[in-house]
All heavy atoms as atom14 arrays in JSON, in Angstrom:
{
  "sequence": "VVGFDSDHSFFNQRRTEQDEFGFLRRVNYVVRRPRVVLSDTSSPVW",
  "atom14_mask": [
    [1, 1, 1, 1, 1, 1, 1, 0, 0, 0, 0, 0, 0, 0],
    [1, 1, 1, 1, 1, 1, 1, 0, 0, 0, 0, 0, 0, 0],
    [1, 1, 1, 1, 0, 0, 0, 0, 0, 0, 0, 0, 0, 0],
    [1, 1, 1, 1, 1, 1, 1, 1, 1, 1, 1, 0, 0, 0],
    [1, 1, 1, 1, 1, 1, 1, 1, 0, 0, 0, 0, 0, 0],
    [1, 1, 1, 1, 1, 1, 0, 0, 0, 0, 0, 0, 0, 0],
    [1, 1, 1, 1, 1, 1, 1, 1, 0, 0, 0, 0, 0, 0],
    [1, 1, 1, 1, 1, 1, 1, 1, 1, 1, 0, 0, 0, 0],
    [1, 1, 1, 1, 1, 1, 0, 0, 0, 0, 0, 0, 0, 0],
    [1, 1, 1, 1, 1, 1, 1, 1, 1, 1, 1, 0, 0, 0],
    [1, 1, 1, 1, 1, 1, 1, 1, 1, 1, 1, 0, 0, 0],
    [1, 1, 1, 1, 1, 1, 1, 1, 0, 0, 0, 0, 0, 0],
    [1, 1, 1, 1, 1, 1, 1, 1, 1, 0, 0, 0, 0, 0],
    [1, 1, 1, 1, 1, 1, 1, 1, 1, 1, 1, 0, 0, 0],
    [1, 1, 1, 1, 1, 1, 1, 1, 1, 1, 1, 0, 0, 0],
    [1, 1, 1, 1, 1, 1, 1, 0, 0, 0, 0, 0, 0, 0],
    [1, 1, 1, 1, 1, 1, 1, 1, 1, 0, 0, 0, 0, 0],
    [1, 1, 1, 1, 1, 1, 1, 1, 1, 0, 0, 0, 0, 0],
    [1, 1, 1, 1, 1, 1, 1, 1, 0, 0, 0, 0, 0, 0],
    [1, 1, 1, 1, 1, 1, 1, 1, 1, 0, 0, 0, 0, 0],
    [1, 1, 1, 1, 1, 1, 1, 1, 1, 1, 1, 0, 0, 0],
    [1, 1, 1, 1, 0, 0, 0, 0, 0, 0, 0, 0, 0, 0],
    [1, 1, 1, 1, 1, 1, 1, 1, 1, 1, 1, 0, 0, 0],
    [1, 1, 1, 1, 1, 1, 1, 1, 0, 0, 0, 0, 0, 0],
    [1, 1, 1, 1, 1, 1, 1, 1, 1, 1, 1, 0, 0, 0],
    [1, 1, 1, 1, 1, 1, 1, 1, 1, 1, 1, 0, 0, 0],
    [1, 1, 1, 1, 1, 1, 1, 0, 0, 0, 0, 0, 0, 0],
    [1, 1, 1, 1, 1, 1, 1, 1, 0, 0, 0, 0, 0, 0],
    [1, 1, 1, 1, 1, 1, 1, 1, 1, 1, 1, 1, 0, 0],
    [1, 1, 1, 1, 1, 1, 1, 0, 0, 0, 0, 0, 0, 0],
    [1, 1, 1, 1, 1, 1, 1, 0, 0, 0, 0, 0, 0, 0],
    [1, 1, 1, 1, 1, 1, 1, 1, 1, 1, 1, 0, 0, 0],
    [1, 1, 1, 1, 1, 1, 1, 1, 1, 1, 1, 0, 0, 0],
    [1, 1, 1, 1, 1, 1, 1, 0, 0, 0, 0, 0, 0, 0],
    [1, 1, 1, 1, 1, 1, 1, 1, 1, 1, 1, 0, 0, 0],
    [1, 1, 1, 1, 1, 1, 1, 0, 0, 0, 0, 0, 0, 0],
    [1, 1, 1, 1, 1, 1, 1, 0, 0, 0, 0, 0, 0, 0],
    [1, 1, 1, 1, 1, 1, 1, 1, 0, 0, 0, 0, 0, 0],
    [1, 1, 1, 1, 1, 1, 0, 0, 0, 0, 0, 0, 0, 0],
    [1, 1, 1, 1, 1, 1, 1, 1, 0, 0, 0, 0, 0, 0],
    [1, 1, 1, 1, 1, 1, 1, 0, 0, 0, 0, 0, 0, 0],
    [1, 1, 1, 1, 1, 1, 0, 0, 0, 0, 0, 0, 0, 0],
    [1, 1, 1, 1, 1, 1, 0, 0, 0, 0, 0, 0, 0, 0],
    [1, 1, 1, 1, 1, 1, 1, 0, 0, 0, 0, 0, 0, 0],
    [1, 1, 1, 1, 1, 1, 1, 0, 0, 0, 0, 0, 0, 0],
    [1, 1, 1, 1, 1, 1, 1, 1, 1, 1, 1, 1, 1, 1]
  ],
  "atom14_positions": [
    [[202.42, 60.6, 161.22], [201.34, 61.04, 160.46], [201.06, 59.99, 159.47], [201.82, 59.48, 158.77], [201.67, 62.4, 159.88], [200.42, 62.71, 158.71], [201.62, 63.43, 160.94], [0.0, 0.0, 0.0], [0.0, 0.0, 0.0], [0.0, 0.0, 0.0], [0.0, 0.0, 0.0], [0.0, 0.0, 0.0], [0.0, 0.0, 0.0], [0.0, 0.0, 0.0]],
    [[199.74, 59.8, 159.29], [199.12, 58.94, 158.26], [198.42, 59.77, 157.18], [197.63, 60.55, 157.51], [198.2, 57.8, 158.86], [197.6, 56.92, 157.78], [198.94, 57.01, 159.89], [0.0, 0.0, 0.0], [0.0, 0.0, 0.0], [0.0, 0.0, 0.0], [0.0, 0.0, 0.0], [0.0, 0.0, 0.0], [0.0, 0.0, 0.0], [0.0, 0.0, 0.0]],
    [[198.78, 59.41, 155.9], [198.13, 60.11, 154.89], [197.02, 59.16, 154.22], [197.36, 58.14, 153.9], [0.0, 0.0, 0.0], [0.0, 0.0, 0.0], [0.0, 0.0, 0.0], [0.0, 0.0, 0.0], [0.0, 0.0, 0.0], [0.0, 0.0, 0.0], [0.0, 0.0, 0.0], [0.0, 0.0, 0.0], [0.0, 0.0, 0.0], [0.0, 0.0, 0.0]],
    [[195.81, 59.55, 154.15], [194.63, 58.86, 153.64], [194.21, 59.44, 152.23], [194.33, 60.68, 152.13], [193.52, 58.94, 154.56], [193.74, 58.14, 155.88], [193.96, 58.89, 156.97], [193.53, 56.82, 155.94], [194.22, 58.31, 158.24], [193.57, 56.12, 157.13], [193.98, 56.87, 158.35], [0.0, 0.0, 0.0], [0.0, 0.0, 0.0], [0.0, 0.0, 0.0]],
    [[193.77, 58.44, 151.41], [193.27, 58.86, 150.07], [191.73, 59.22, 150.37], [191.02, 58.35, 150.7], [193.35, 57.75, 149.14], [192.83, 57.93, 147.74], [192.38, 59.12, 147.52], [192.83, 56.94, 146.98], [0.0, 0.0, 0.0], [0.0, 0.0, 0.0], [0.0, 0.0, 0.0], [0.0, 0.0, 0.0], [0.0, 0.0, 0.0], [0.0, 0.0, 0.0]],
    [[191.47, 60.52, 150.17], [190.11, 61.02, 150.43], [189.15, 60.39, 149.36], [187.92, 60.47, 149.73], [190.06, 62.41, 150.41], [190.29, 63.01, 149.16], [0.0, 0.0, 0.0], [0.0, 0.0, 0.0], [0.0, 0.0, 0.0], [0.0, 0.0, 0.0], [0.0, 0.0, 0.0], [0.0, 0.0, 0.0], [0.0, 0.0, 0.0], [0.0, 0.0, 0.0]],
    [[189.62, 59.93, 148.32], [188.66, 59.22, 147.28], [188.32, 57.85, 147.58], [187.41, 57.26, 146.93], [189.26, 59.47, 145.96], [189.39, 60.89, 145.39], [188.39, 61.62, 145.82], [190.36, 61.15, 144.69], [0.0, 0.0, 0.0], [0.0, 0.0, 0.0], [0.0, 0.0, 0.0], [0.0, 0.0, 0.0], [0.0, 0.0, 0.0], [0.0, 0.0, 0.0]],
    [[189.01, 57.31, 148.61], [188.66, 55.86, 148.9], [187.24, 55.71, 149.47], [186.79, 56.58, 150.09], [189.63, 55.3, 149.9], [189.64, 53.93, 150.09], [188.58, 53.22, 150.83], [190.37, 52.92, 149.55], [188.87, 51.96, 150.73], [189.92, 51.69, 150.01], [0.0, 0.0, 0.0], [0.0, 0.0, 0.0], [0.0, 0.0, 0.0], [0.0, 0.0, 0.0]],
    [[186.62, 54.58, 149.26], [185.22, 54.29, 149.62], [185.04, 54.49, 151.13], [183.83, 54.83, 151.56], [184.81, 53.05, 149.1], [185.6, 52.04, 149.69], [0.0, 0.0, 0.0], [0.0, 0.0, 0.0], [0.0, 0.0, 0.0], [0.0, 0.0, 0.0], [0.0, 0.0, 0.0], [0.0, 0.0, 0.0], [0.0, 0.0, 0.0], [0.0, 0.0, 0.0]],
    [[186.05, 54.19, 151.95], [186.02, 54.45, 153.42], [185.39, 55.84, 153.78], [184.69, 56.03, 154.77], [187.36, 54.18, 154.18], [187.32, 54.33, 155.54], [186.66, 53.29, 156.31], [187.88, 55.47, 156.17], [186.74, 53.49, 157.78], [187.77, 55.61, 157.46], [187.25, 54.66, 158.37], [0.0, 0.0, 0.0], [0.0, 0.0, 0.0], [0.0, 0.0, 0.0]],
    [[185.81, 56.82, 152.98], [185.41, 58.2, 153.2], [184.18, 58.71, 152.36], [183.9, 59.87, 152.47], [186.59, 59.14, 152.95], [187.79, 58.93, 153.73], [188.99, 58.15, 153.11], [187.84, 59.2, 155.12], [190.06, 57.89, 153.98], [189.01, 58.89, 155.86], [190.12, 58.35, 155.29], [0.0, 0.0, 0.0], [0.0, 0.0, 0.0], [0.0, 0.0, 0.0]],
    [[183.63, 57.62, 151.73], [182.36, 58.06, 150.9], [181.3, 56.91, 151.18], [181.03, 56.1, 150.38], [182.79, 58.04, 149.44], [183.81, 59.15, 149.2], [183.44, 60.3, 149.0], [185.11, 58.83, 149.17], [0.0, 0.0, 0.0], [0.0, 0.0, 0.0], [0.0, 0.0, 0.0], [0.0, 0.0, 0.0], [0.0, 0.0, 0.0], [0.0, 0.0, 0.0]],
    [[180.76, 57.01, 152.33], [179.73, 55.93, 152.73], [178.29, 56.52, 152.97], [177.48, 56.15, 153.64], [180.15, 55.27, 153.93], [181.51, 54.52, 153.9], [181.83, 53.78, 155.12], [181.0, 52.96, 155.6], [182.98, 53.85, 155.6], [0.0, 0.0, 0.0], [0.0, 0.0, 0.0], [0.0, 0.0, 0.0], [0.0, 0.0, 0.0], [0.0, 0.0, 0.0]],
    [[178.12, 57.82, 152.33], [176.82, 58.37, 152.41], [175.83, 57.59, 151.79], [175.92, 57.16, 150.47], [176.84, 59.8, 151.83], [175.78, 60.64, 152.11], [176.06, 62.13, 151.53], [175.2, 63.09, 152.06], [175.13, 64.41, 151.65], [176.13, 64.77, 150.71], [174.41, 65.29, 152.21], [0.0, 0.0, 0.0], [0.0, 0.0, 0.0], [0.0, 0.0, 0.0]],
    [[174.58, 57.31, 152.32], [173.55, 56.43, 151.78], [172.73, 57.15, 150.85], [172.28, 56.71, 149.79], [172.95, 55.73, 152.9], [173.77, 54.8, 153.7], [172.91, 54.21, 154.92], [173.69, 53.36, 155.78], [174.5, 53.78, 156.79], [174.46, 55.07, 157.04], [175.09, 53.02, 157.46], [0.0, 0.0, 0.0], [0.0, 0.0, 0.0], [0.0, 0.0, 0.0]],
    [[172.43, 58.45, 151.21], [171.43, 59.27, 150.43], [171.94, 60.7, 150.51], [172.88, 61.1, 151.27], [170.08, 59.3, 150.93], [169.97, 59.89, 152.27], [169.57, 57.74, 151.08], [0.0, 0.0, 0.0], [0.0, 0.0, 0.0], [0.0, 0.0, 0.0], [0.0, 0.0, 0.0], [0.0, 0.0, 0.0], [0.0, 0.0, 0.0], [0.0, 0.0, 0.0]],
    [[171.44, 61.55, 149.61], [171.85, 62.96, 149.63], [171.37, 63.57, 150.92], [172.05, 64.73, 151.3], [171.1, 63.73, 148.48], [171.66, 63.45, 147.08], [173.14, 63.8, 146.95], [173.48, 64.86, 147.4], [173.97, 63.02, 146.53], [0.0, 0.0, 0.0], [0.0, 0.0, 0.0], [0.0, 0.0, 0.0], [0.0, 0.0, 0.0], [0.0, 0.0, 0.0]],
    [[170.39, 63.12, 151.68], [170.1, 63.72, 152.95], [170.84, 63.16, 154.12], [170.77, 63.63, 155.25], [168.48, 63.38, 153.15], [167.57, 64.08, 152.32], [167.54, 63.58, 150.79], [167.67, 62.34, 150.57], [167.66, 64.48, 149.85], [0.0, 0.0, 0.0], [0.0, 0.0, 0.0], [0.0, 0.0, 0.0], [0.0, 0.0, 0.0], [0.0, 0.0, 0.0]],
    [[171.58, 62.12, 153.94], [172.51, 61.49, 154.91], [173.57, 62.46, 155.39], [174.31, 62.95, 154.52], [172.99, 60.18, 154.46], [173.7, 59.4, 155.65], [173.73, 59.88, 156.77], [174.0, 58.25, 155.26], [0.0, 0.0, 0.0], [0.0, 0.0, 0.0], [0.0, 0.0, 0.0], [0.0, 0.0, 0.0], [0.0, 0.0, 0.0], [0.0, 0.0, 0.0]],
    [[173.61, 62.76, 156.67], [174.63, 63.68, 157.25], [175.85, 63.0, 157.74], [176.91, 63.59, 158.06], [174.0, 64.45, 158.43], [172.93, 65.51, 158.09], [173.41, 66.64, 157.3], [174.72, 66.8, 157.25], [172.69, 67.45, 156.83], [0.0, 0.0, 0.0], [0.0, 0.0, 0.0], [0.0, 0.0, 0.0], [0.0, 0.0, 0.0], [0.0, 0.0, 0.0]],
    [[175.93, 61.67, 157.57], [177.05, 60.95, 158.16], [177.69, 60.03, 157.02], [177.19, 59.8, 155.98], [176.51, 60.02, 159.19], [175.54, 60.57, 160.22], [174.38, 60.24, 160.4], [176.15, 61.63, 160.96], [173.51, 60.7, 161.41], [175.26, 62.3, 161.89], [174.05, 61.86, 162.11], [0.0, 0.0, 0.0], [0.0, 0.0, 0.0], [0.0, 0.0, 0.0]],
    [[179.12, 59.77, 157.32], [179.77, 58.89, 156.36], [180.45, 59.57, 155.31], [180.95, 58.8, 154.38], [0.0, 0.0, 0.0], [0.0, 0.0, 0.0], [0.0, 0.0, 0.0], [0.0, 0.0, 0.0], [0.0, 0.0, 0.0], [0.0, 0.0, 0.0], [0.0, 0.0, 0.0], [0.0, 0.0, 0.0], [0.0, 0.0, 0.0], [0.0, 0.0, 0.0]],
    [[180.6, 60.79, 155.26], [181.4, 61.48, 154.15], [182.1, 62.64, 154.59], [181.83, 63.21, 155.74], [180.31, 61.88, 152.97], [179.34, 63.01, 153.43], [179.71, 64.42, 153.04], [178.33, 62.84, 154.22], [179.03, 65.29, 153.45], [177.51, 64.01, 154.53], [177.91, 65.22, 154.22], [0.0, 0.0, 0.0], [0.0, 0.0, 0.0], [0.0, 0.0, 0.0]],
    [[183.15, 63.01, 153.84], [184.07, 64.06, 154.32], [183.34, 65.4, 153.99], [182.77, 65.57, 153.03], [185.39, 63.97, 153.44], [186.3, 62.93, 153.94], [187.46, 62.7, 152.79], [186.95, 63.26, 155.22], [0.0, 0.0, 0.0], [0.0, 0.0, 0.0], [0.0, 0.0, 0.0], [0.0, 0.0, 0.0], [0.0, 0.0, 0.0], [0.0, 0.0, 0.0]],
    [[183.61, 66.22, 154.92], [183.11, 67.74, 154.82], [184.31, 68.69, 155.26], [184.98, 68.41, 156.15], [181.84, 68.02, 155.42], [181.91, 67.73, 156.99], [180.66, 68.11, 157.56], [179.8, 66.87, 157.73], [178.47, 66.77, 157.47], [177.79, 67.95, 157.13], [177.8, 65.78, 157.51], [0.0, 0.0, 0.0], [0.0, 0.0, 0.0], [0.0, 0.0, 0.0]],
    [[184.5, 69.72, 154.54], [185.42, 70.69, 154.9], [184.97, 71.58, 155.94], [183.88, 72.03, 155.99], [185.84, 71.54, 153.71], [186.95, 72.55, 153.92], [187.38, 73.23, 152.66], [186.12, 73.95, 152.08], [186.08, 74.39, 150.82], [187.05, 74.24, 150.02], [184.91, 75.14, 150.42], [0.0, 0.0, 0.0], [0.0, 0.0, 0.0], [0.0, 0.0, 0.0]],
    [[185.87, 71.8, 156.96], [185.5, 72.7, 158.04], [185.63, 74.27, 157.68], [186.38, 74.65, 156.97], [186.43, 72.47, 159.21], [186.27, 73.41, 160.29], [186.29, 71.05, 159.73], [0.0, 0.0, 0.0], [0.0, 0.0, 0.0], [0.0, 0.0, 0.0], [0.0, 0.0, 0.0], [0.0, 0.0, 0.0], [0.0, 0.0, 0.0], [0.0, 0.0, 0.0]],
    [[184.59, 74.91, 158.18], [184.61, 76.39, 157.83], [184.98, 77.13, 159.06], [184.63, 76.79, 160.24], [183.13, 76.74, 157.6], [182.58, 76.24, 156.29], [183.24, 76.06, 155.3], [181.29, 75.83, 156.2], [0.0, 0.0, 0.0], [0.0, 0.0, 0.0], [0.0, 0.0, 0.0], [0.0, 0.0, 0.0], [0.0, 0.0, 0.0], [0.0, 0.0, 0.0]],
    [[185.92, 78.09, 158.89], [186.55, 78.8, 160.05], [185.81, 80.2, 160.03], [185.88, 80.99, 159.0], [187.99, 78.91, 159.99], [188.66, 77.52, 160.03], [189.01, 76.89, 158.77], [188.84, 76.83, 161.19], [189.59, 75.63, 158.77], [189.38, 75.57, 161.23], [189.69, 75.04, 159.99], [190.33, 73.73, 160.04], [0.0, 0.0, 0.0], [0.0, 0.0, 0.0]],
    [[185.12, 80.5, 161.15], [184.37, 81.61, 161.19], [184.69, 82.58, 162.36], [185.25, 82.06, 163.52], [182.87, 81.34, 161.27], [182.33, 80.59, 159.99], [182.55, 80.48, 162.43], [0.0, 0.0, 0.0], [0.0, 0.0, 0.0], [0.0, 0.0, 0.0], [0.0, 0.0, 0.0], [0.0, 0.0, 0.0], [0.0, 0.0, 0.0], [0.0, 0.0, 0.0]],
    [[184.39, 83.75, 162.33], [184.66, 84.8, 163.41], [183.57, 84.72, 164.39], [183.68, 84.8, 165.56], [184.9, 86.14, 162.88], [184.93, 87.24, 163.95], [186.02, 86.36, 161.88], [0.0, 0.0, 0.0], [0.0, 0.0, 0.0], [0.0, 0.0, 0.0], [0.0, 0.0, 0.0], [0.0, 0.0, 0.0], [0.0, 0.0, 0.0], [0.0, 0.0, 0.0]],
    [[182.26, 84.62, 163.97], [181.15, 84.74, 164.82], [180.57, 83.34, 165.08], [180.51, 82.59, 164.18], [179.98, 85.69, 164.23], [178.82, 85.93, 165.11], [178.0, 86.96, 164.42], [176.91, 87.42, 165.19], [175.57, 87.11, 164.99], [175.36, 86.23, 163.86], [174.64, 87.38, 165.66], [0.0, 0.0, 0.0], [0.0, 0.0, 0.0], [0.0, 0.0, 0.0]],
    [[180.27, 82.97, 166.29], [179.62, 81.77, 166.65], [178.33, 81.53, 165.89], [177.47, 82.51, 165.96], [179.33, 81.66, 168.16], [178.98, 80.2, 168.69], [179.0, 80.32, 170.17], [178.8, 78.94, 170.7], [178.73, 78.65, 172.08], [179.03, 79.64, 172.87], [178.59, 77.41, 172.44], [0.0, 0.0, 0.0], [0.0, 0.0, 0.0], [0.0, 0.0, 0.0]],
    [[178.17, 80.54, 165.2], [176.92, 80.29, 164.34], [175.64, 80.2, 165.13], [175.66, 79.78, 166.34], [177.17, 78.94, 163.76], [178.63, 78.6, 163.73], [179.09, 79.39, 164.98], [0.0, 0.0, 0.0], [0.0, 0.0, 0.0], [0.0, 0.0, 0.0], [0.0, 0.0, 0.0], [0.0, 0.0, 0.0], [0.0, 0.0, 0.0], [0.0, 0.0, 0.0]],
    [[174.63, 80.9, 164.58], [173.25, 80.87, 165.3], [172.47, 79.79, 164.51], [172.46, 79.81, 163.17], [172.63, 82.21, 165.08], [172.85, 83.07, 166.18], [174.23, 83.62, 166.35], [174.28, 84.66, 167.36], [175.46, 84.89, 167.97], [176.54, 84.35, 167.79], [175.43, 86.0, 168.88], [0.0, 0.0, 0.0], [0.0, 0.0, 0.0], [0.0, 0.0, 0.0]],
    [[171.7, 78.91, 165.14], [170.81, 77.99, 164.5], [169.56, 78.03, 165.18], [169.29, 78.46, 166.32], [171.49, 76.54, 164.61], [172.86, 76.53, 164.12], [171.44, 76.06, 166.07], [0.0, 0.0, 0.0], [0.0, 0.0, 0.0], [0.0, 0.0, 0.0], [0.0, 0.0, 0.0], [0.0, 0.0, 0.0], [0.0, 0.0, 0.0], [0.0, 0.0, 0.0]],
    [[168.52, 77.5, 164.3], [167.18, 77.29, 164.7], [167.08, 75.82, 164.89], [167.44, 75.03, 163.97], [166.18, 77.78, 163.67], [164.76, 77.34, 164.18], [166.24, 79.29, 163.58], [0.0, 0.0, 0.0], [0.0, 0.0, 0.0], [0.0, 0.0, 0.0], [0.0, 0.0, 0.0], [0.0, 0.0, 0.0], [0.0, 0.0, 0.0], [0.0, 0.0, 0.0]],
    [[166.67, 75.3, 166.12], [166.83, 73.85, 166.41], [165.95, 72.99, 165.46], [166.46, 71.87, 165.18], [166.2, 73.66, 167.78], [166.4, 72.29, 168.47], [168.01, 72.02, 168.55], [165.89, 72.25, 169.87], [0.0, 0.0, 0.0], [0.0, 0.0, 0.0], [0.0, 0.0, 0.0], [0.0, 0.0, 0.0], [0.0, 0.0, 0.0], [0.0, 0.0, 0.0]],
    [[164.93, 73.63, 164.91], [164.1, 72.67, 164.05], [164.79, 72.52, 162.5], [164.26, 71.69, 161.85], [162.65, 73.3, 163.9], [162.76, 74.66, 163.35], [0.0, 0.0, 0.0], [0.0, 0.0, 0.0], [0.0, 0.0, 0.0], [0.0, 0.0, 0.0], [0.0, 0.0, 0.0], [0.0, 0.0, 0.0], [0.0, 0.0, 0.0], [0.0, 0.0, 0.0]],
    [[165.65, 73.4, 162.31], [166.36, 73.34, 161.03], [167.53, 72.22, 161.02], [168.64, 72.6, 161.18], [167.01, 74.64, 160.56], [167.6, 74.64, 159.31], [167.39, 73.61, 158.5], [168.29, 75.66, 158.95], [0.0, 0.0, 0.0], [0.0, 0.0, 0.0], [0.0, 0.0, 0.0], [0.0, 0.0, 0.0], [0.0, 0.0, 0.0], [0.0, 0.0, 0.0]],
    [[167.16, 71.04, 160.81], [168.04, 69.93, 161.0], [169.01, 69.84, 159.76], [170.01, 69.12, 159.69], [167.34, 68.64, 160.95], [166.43, 68.42, 160.02], [166.51, 68.58, 162.32], [0.0, 0.0, 0.0], [0.0, 0.0, 0.0], [0.0, 0.0, 0.0], [0.0, 0.0, 0.0], [0.0, 0.0, 0.0], [0.0, 0.0, 0.0], [0.0, 0.0, 0.0]],
    [[168.71, 70.61, 158.8], [169.46, 70.54, 157.51], [170.77, 71.4, 157.7], [171.67, 71.54, 156.82], [168.75, 71.07, 156.26], [168.33, 72.4, 156.37], [0.0, 0.0, 0.0], [0.0, 0.0, 0.0], [0.0, 0.0, 0.0], [0.0, 0.0, 0.0], [0.0, 0.0, 0.0], [0.0, 0.0, 0.0], [0.0, 0.0, 0.0], [0.0, 0.0, 0.0]],
    [[170.91, 72.26, 158.78], [171.97, 73.14, 158.91], [173.29, 72.5, 159.05], [173.38, 71.62, 159.94], [171.75, 74.18, 159.97], [172.71, 74.99, 160.16], [0.0, 0.0, 0.0], [0.0, 0.0, 0.0], [0.0, 0.0, 0.0], [0.0, 0.0, 0.0], [0.0, 0.0, 0.0], [0.0, 0.0, 0.0], [0.0, 0.0, 0.0], [0.0, 0.0, 0.0]],
    [[174.25, 72.8, 158.2], [175.63, 72.01, 158.43], [176.48, 72.65, 159.51], [177.55, 71.96, 159.79], [176.23, 72.27, 156.98], [175.8, 73.67, 156.6], [174.33, 73.69, 157.09], [0.0, 0.0, 0.0], [0.0, 0.0, 0.0], [0.0, 0.0, 0.0], [0.0, 0.0, 0.0], [0.0, 0.0, 0.0], [0.0, 0.0, 0.0], [0.0, 0.0, 0.0]],
    [[176.08, 73.71, 160.14], [176.93, 74.32, 161.12], [177.27, 73.54, 162.34], [178.33, 73.74, 163.0], [176.45, 75.73, 161.56], [176.36, 76.77, 160.32], [175.13, 75.7, 162.21], [0.0, 0.0, 0.0], [0.0, 0.0, 0.0], [0.0, 0.0, 0.0], [0.0, 0.0, 0.0], [0.0, 0.0, 0.0], [0.0, 0.0, 0.0], [0.0, 0.0, 0.0]],
    [[176.38, 72.58, 162.61], [176.53, 71.66, 163.66], [177.81, 70.96, 163.51], [178.51, 70.64, 164.45], [175.39, 70.7, 163.85], [174.15, 71.09, 164.24], [173.17, 71.71, 163.45], [173.69, 71.47, 165.61], [172.07, 72.14, 164.33], [172.33, 71.95, 165.58], [174.31, 71.05, 166.83], [171.76, 72.33, 166.78], [173.56, 71.37, 168.02], [172.25, 71.97, 167.88]]
  ]
}
């Protein structure tokens, strides 16, 4: 097992607040399968 420092810049490469890539996010564990509207690209459930 390899332990990584989550504060290292490798895990913080988000370019803007709207950028969905390049940063750590915690997984949410849910009972019901999430429902999404396709046009809502801001939804994090994907």
